[in-house]
Amino acid sequence: MERSKVSDLDIFSKPDKVKKEVIDSGHVTKSFRLTNEQARLLKEYTERIQPGHLMITEADIIRYMILHFDVEAARKDFFIK
């Protein structure tokens, strides 16, 4: 009986269908870490601005912040003192 290598078995790969759907969706998943305090503040902010009849997620808030980020103000207020 011939032995096979684990790499030949390819037991940990996902089907091509899943990979294609992720590429074709136009979205990219990003992961990042927040401190406990930052996560608490983000959650509080999300709950504070959320109207009662809409569901606003923390991801929606982050997307909004990215789209409306003011580079010049950040340079002036945070980076160049």
Protein backbone atom coordinates (compact mmCIF):
# COMPACT_ATOMS: atom_id res chain seq x y z
CA MET A 1 0.00 0.00 0.00
CA GLU A 2 1.36 3.40 -0.97
CA ARG A 3 1.47 6.12 1.69
CA SER A 4 0.17 9.57 0.87
CA LYS A 5 1.32 12.87 2.24
CA VAL A 6 -1.04 15.06 4.22
CA SER A 7 -0.53 17.81 1.65
CA ASP A 8 -1.74 15.41 -1.07
CA LEU A 9 -4.98 14.77 0.79
CA ASP A 10 -5.96 18.46 0.79
CA ILE A 11 -8.39 17.97 3.67
CA PHE A 12 -8.22 21.57 4.92
CA SER A 13 -9.02 23.41 1.71
CA LYS A 14 -12.38 24.94 0.94
CA PRO A 15 -14.25 24.26 -2.27
CA ASP A 16 -13.57 26.58 -5.21
CA LYS A 17 -17.19 27.71 -5.12
CA VAL A 18 -16.73 29.46 -1.75
CA LYS A 19 -13.51 31.17 -2.86
CA LYS A 20 -15.16 32.42 -6.06
CA GLU A 21 -18.18 33.85 -4.20
CA VAL A 22 -15.93 35.84 -1.87
CA ILE A 23 -13.92 37.27 -4.75
CA ASP A 24 -17.00 38.12 -6.83
CA SER A 25 -18.88 39.78 -3.96
CA GLY A 26 -16.76 42.95 -4.04
CA HIS A 27 -16.29 42.89 -0.26
CA VAL A 28 -13.17 42.27 1.78
CA THR A 29 -13.29 41.08 5.37
CA LYS A 30 -10.91 42.89 7.72
CA SER A 31 -10.22 41.97 11.30
CA PHE A 32 -8.76 44.29 13.88
CA ARG A 33 -8.44 44.46 17.61
CA LEU A 34 -9.92 47.04 19.93
CA THR A 35 -9.18 47.54 23.57
CA ASN A 36 -12.04 46.75 25.93
CA GLU A 37 -12.57 50.46 26.48
CA GLN A 38 -12.69 51.20 22.74
CA ALA A 39 -15.16 48.35 22.16
CA ARG A 40 -17.37 49.62 24.99
CA LEU A 41 -17.32 53.17 23.61
CA LEU A 42 -18.14 51.96 20.10
CA LYS A 43 -21.08 49.94 21.42
CA GLU A 44 -22.37 52.89 23.47
CA TYR A 45 -22.03 55.26 20.51
CA THR A 46 -23.88 52.84 18.24
CA GLU A 47 -26.75 52.49 20.72
CA ARG A 48 -26.92 56.27 21.28
CA ILE A 49 -27.28 57.28 17.63
CA GLN A 50 -29.50 54.38 16.57
CA PRO A 51 -33.10 55.41 15.86
CA GLY A 52 -35.66 53.07 17.38
CA HIS A 53 -36.97 51.80 14.03
CA LEU A 54 -33.57 51.09 12.40
CA MET A 55 -30.84 48.59 13.12
CA ILE A 56 -27.41 50.24 12.99
CA THR A 57 -24.50 47.93 13.59
CA GLU A 58 -21.00 48.69 14.82
CA ALA A 59 -19.74 47.76 11.35
CA ASP A 60 -22.02 50.45 9.84
CA ILE A 61 -20.50 53.02 12.18
CA ILE A 62 -16.96 51.99 11.23
CA ARG A 63 -17.84 52.14 7.50
CA TYR A 64 -19.27 55.64 7.97
CA MET A 65 -16.17 56.78 9.84
CA ILE A 66 -13.90 55.45 7.10
CA LEU A 67 -15.88 57.17 4.34
CA HIS A 68 -15.96 60.52 6.15
CA PHE A 69 -12.47 60.51 7.64
CA ASP A 70 -10.83 63.95 7.41
CA VAL A 71 -7.10 63.41 6.85
CA GLU A 72 -6.17 67.08 7.23
CA ALA A 73 -7.96 67.41 10.56
CA ALA A 74 -6.35 64.18 11.81
CA ARG A 75 -2.90 65.43 10.84
CA LYS A 76 -3.49 68.72 12.62
CA ASP A 77 -5.13 67.28 15.75
CA PHE A 78 -3.27 64.00 16.27
CA PHE A 79 -0.09 63.59 14.29
CA ILE A 80 1.62 66.98 14.05
CA LYS A 81 1.97 68.85 17.33
